[in-house]
Amino acid sequence: VVTARAVAPLPELLEYCAPLAAVGGLLAFPKGHGWQQELDSAAGAMKELGCSLEAEVEMRSAVSATPIVLLVRKTATTAERYPRRPGIPRKRPL
């Protein structure tokens, strides 16, 4: 399991985290209110990095601003070229 919170938008976050997970592993990302837009923009990154969305888990808490946790399954090996040098994923997201 790989998880990260408040690090980057989902396409960038996937590039940093997917190489750390084994094939079959799970990535868990708590996301705020713009999560659907982030998920839509991450479709290409998921395909390129060998990942697929497994579930969208709703979180209900009076103390948390995170309405959802995205669970992403690592389905294939990530190419050796990822992650790219620091700053590149932000400037040129997959």
C-alpha atoms as a PDB file:
ATOM      1  CA  VAL A   1       0.000   0.000   0.000  1.00  0.00           C
ATOM      2  CA  VAL A   2       1.244   3.459  -0.954  1.00  0.00           C
ATOM      3  CA  THR A   3      -0.523   6.558   0.335  1.00  0.00           C
ATOM      4  CA  ALA A   4      -0.012  10.304   0.198  1.00  0.00           C
ATOM      5  CA  ARG A   5      -2.044  13.250   1.407  1.00  0.00           C
ATOM      6  CA  ALA A   6      -1.941  16.891   0.273  1.00  0.00           C
ATOM      7  CA  VAL A   7       1.099  16.377  -1.962  1.00  0.00           C
ATOM      8  CA  ALA A   8      -0.003  17.221  -5.510  1.00  0.00           C
ATOM      9  CA  PRO A   9      -2.820  16.950  -8.044  1.00  0.00           C
ATOM     10  CA  LEU A  10      -3.640  13.344  -8.926  1.00  0.00           C
ATOM     11  CA  PRO A  11      -1.743  13.043 -12.261  1.00  0.00           C
ATOM     12  CA  GLU A  12       1.453  14.286 -10.587  1.00  0.00           C
ATOM     13  CA  LEU A  13       0.842  12.240  -7.457  1.00  0.00           C
ATOM     14  CA  LEU A  14       0.409   9.058  -9.488  1.00  0.00           C
ATOM     15  CA  GLU A  15       3.735   9.642 -11.219  1.00  0.00           C
ATOM     16  CA  TYR A  16       5.519   9.956  -7.864  1.00  0.00           C
ATOM     17  CA  CYS A  17       3.753   7.044  -6.163  1.00  0.00           C
ATOM     18  CA  ALA A  18       3.043   4.393  -8.823  1.00  0.00           C
ATOM     19  CA  PRO A  19       6.714   3.354  -9.195  1.00  0.00           C
ATOM     20  CA  LEU A  20       6.784   2.590  -5.444  1.00  0.00           C
ATOM     21  CA  ALA A  21       3.934   0.066  -5.605  1.00  0.00           C
ATOM     22  CA  ALA A  22       4.285  -3.565  -6.658  1.00  0.00           C
ATOM     23  CA  VAL A  23       2.058  -4.888  -9.431  1.00  0.00           C
ATOM     24  CA  GLY A  24      -1.197  -5.781  -7.691  1.00  0.00           C
ATOM     25  CA  GLY A  25      -0.496  -3.201  -4.969  1.00  0.00           C
ATOM     26  CA  LEU A  26      -2.894  -0.503  -3.857  1.00  0.00           C
ATOM     27  CA  LEU A  27      -2.447   3.272  -3.807  1.00  0.00           C
ATOM     28  CA  ALA A  28      -4.749   5.281  -1.510  1.00  0.00           C
ATOM     29  CA  PHE A  29      -5.178   9.022  -2.005  1.00  0.00           C
ATOM     30  CA  PRO A  30      -7.468  11.153   0.191  1.00  0.00           C
ATOM     31  CA  LYS A  31      -8.861  13.946  -1.978  1.00  0.00           C
ATOM     32  CA  GLY A  32     -10.852  17.109  -1.344  1.00  0.00           C
ATOM     33  CA  HIS A  33     -13.794  18.683  -3.102  1.00  0.00           C
ATOM     34  CA  GLY A  34     -12.207  18.885  -6.583  1.00  0.00           C
ATOM     35  CA  TRP A  35     -11.556  15.147  -6.673  1.00  0.00           C
ATOM     36  CA  GLN A  36     -13.759  14.360  -9.703  1.00  0.00           C
ATOM     37  CA  GLN A  37     -11.936  16.878 -11.896  1.00  0.00           C
ATOM     38  CA  GLU A  38      -8.577  15.498 -10.698  1.00  0.00           C
ATOM     39  CA  LEU A  39      -9.724  11.973 -11.461  1.00  0.00           C
ATOM     40  CA  ASP A  40     -10.830  12.965 -14.971  1.00  0.00           C
ATOM     41  CA  SER A  41      -7.482  14.652 -15.657  1.00  0.00           C
ATOM     42  CA  ALA A  42      -5.564  11.580 -14.428  1.00  0.00           C
ATOM     43  CA  ALA A  43      -6.927   9.077 -16.978  1.00  0.00           C
ATOM     44  CA  GLY A  44      -3.864   9.321 -19.232  1.00  0.00           C
ATOM     45  CA  ALA A  45      -1.455   9.135 -16.303  1.00  0.00           C
ATOM     46  CA  MET A  46      -3.156   6.003 -14.963  1.00  0.00           C
ATOM     47  CA  LYS A  47      -2.857   4.269 -18.317  1.00  0.00           C
ATOM     48  CA  GLU A  48       0.779   5.340 -18.827  1.00  0.00           C
ATOM     49  CA  LEU A  49       1.814   4.283 -15.311  1.00  0.00           C
ATOM     50  CA  GLY A  50       0.030   0.906 -15.284  1.00  0.00           C
ATOM     51  CA  CYS A  51      -2.761   1.782 -12.857  1.00  0.00           C
ATOM     52  CA  SER A  52      -6.548   1.668 -12.755  1.00  0.00           C
ATOM     53  CA  LEU A  53      -9.176   3.089 -10.423  1.00  0.00           C
ATOM     54  CA  GLU A  54     -10.460   0.416  -8.076  1.00  0.00           C
ATOM     55  CA  ALA A  55     -12.833   2.376  -5.845  1.00  0.00           C
ATOM     56  CA  GLU A  56     -14.008   5.765  -4.656  1.00  0.00           C
ATOM     57  CA  VAL A  57     -14.560   5.481  -0.904  1.00  0.00           C
ATOM     58  CA  GLU A  58     -16.729   8.181   0.654  1.00  0.00           C
ATOM     59  CA  MET A  59     -15.523   9.498   4.001  1.00  0.00           C
ATOM     60  CA  ARG A  60     -18.042  10.974   6.403  1.00  0.00           C
ATOM     61  CA  SER A  61     -16.488  12.855   9.258  1.00  0.00           C
ATOM     62  CA  ALA A  62     -17.246  16.094  11.024  1.00  0.00           C
ATOM     63  CA  VAL A  63     -13.525  16.794  11.439  1.00  0.00           C
ATOM     64  CA  SER A  64     -12.210  15.883   7.981  1.00  0.00           C
ATOM     65  CA  ALA A  65     -12.258  18.081   4.880  1.00  0.00           C
ATOM     66  CA  THR A  66     -11.509  15.020   2.764  1.00  0.00           C
ATOM     67  CA  PRO A  67     -14.770  13.741   1.293  1.00  0.00           C
ATOM     68  CA  ILE A  68     -13.273  10.793  -0.606  1.00  0.00           C
ATOM     69  CA  VAL A  69     -10.367   8.366  -0.767  1.00  0.00           C
ATOM     70  CA  LEU A  70      -9.417   7.179  -4.242  1.00  0.00           C
ATOM     71  CA  LEU A  71      -8.147   3.604  -4.321  1.00  0.00           C
ATOM     72  CA  VAL A  72      -5.956   2.881  -7.331  1.00  0.00           C
ATOM     73  CA  ARG A  73      -4.691  -0.602  -8.226  1.00  0.00           C
ATOM     74  CA  LYS A  74      -1.252  -1.053  -9.812  1.00  0.00           C
ATOM     75  CA  THR A  75      -2.016  -3.378 -12.742  1.00  0.00           C
ATOM     76  CA  ALA A  76       1.241  -3.343 -14.717  1.00  0.00           C
ATOM     77  CA  THR A  77       4.912  -2.515 -14.347  1.00  0.00           C
ATOM     78  CA  THR A  78       5.731   1.199 -14.534  1.00  0.00           C
ATOM     79  CA  ALA A  79       8.371   2.158 -17.099  1.00  0.00           C
ATOM     80  CA  GLU A  80      11.845   2.912 -15.719  1.00  0.00           C
ATOM     81  CA  ARG A  81      11.631   6.525 -16.944  1.00  0.00           C
ATOM     82  CA  TYR A  82       9.135   7.343 -14.167  1.00  0.00           C
ATOM     83  CA  PRO A  83       9.127   9.347 -12.059  1.00  0.00           C
ATOM     84  CA  ARG A  84      10.720  12.088 -14.119  1.00  0.00           C
ATOM     85  CA  ARG A  85      13.071  14.687 -12.616  1.00  0.00           C
ATOM     86  CA  PRO A  86      11.646  16.896  -9.825  1.00  0.00           C
ATOM     87  CA  GLY A  87       9.391  19.621 -11.161  1.00  0.00           C
ATOM     88  CA  ILE A  88       8.770  18.010 -14.559  1.00  0.00           C
ATOM     89  CA  PRO A  89       5.544  16.191 -13.539  1.00  0.00           C
ATOM     90  CA  ARG A  90       4.079  19.528 -12.404  1.00  0.00           C
ATOM     91  CA  LYS A  91       5.177  21.422 -15.528  1.00  0.00           C
ATOM     92  CA  ARG A  92       4.217  18.658 -17.976  1.00  0.00           C
ATOM     93  CA  PRO A  93       1.675  16.291 -16.368  1.00  0.00           C
ATOM     94  CA  LEU A  94       1.008  12.973 -18.088  1.00  0.00           C
END
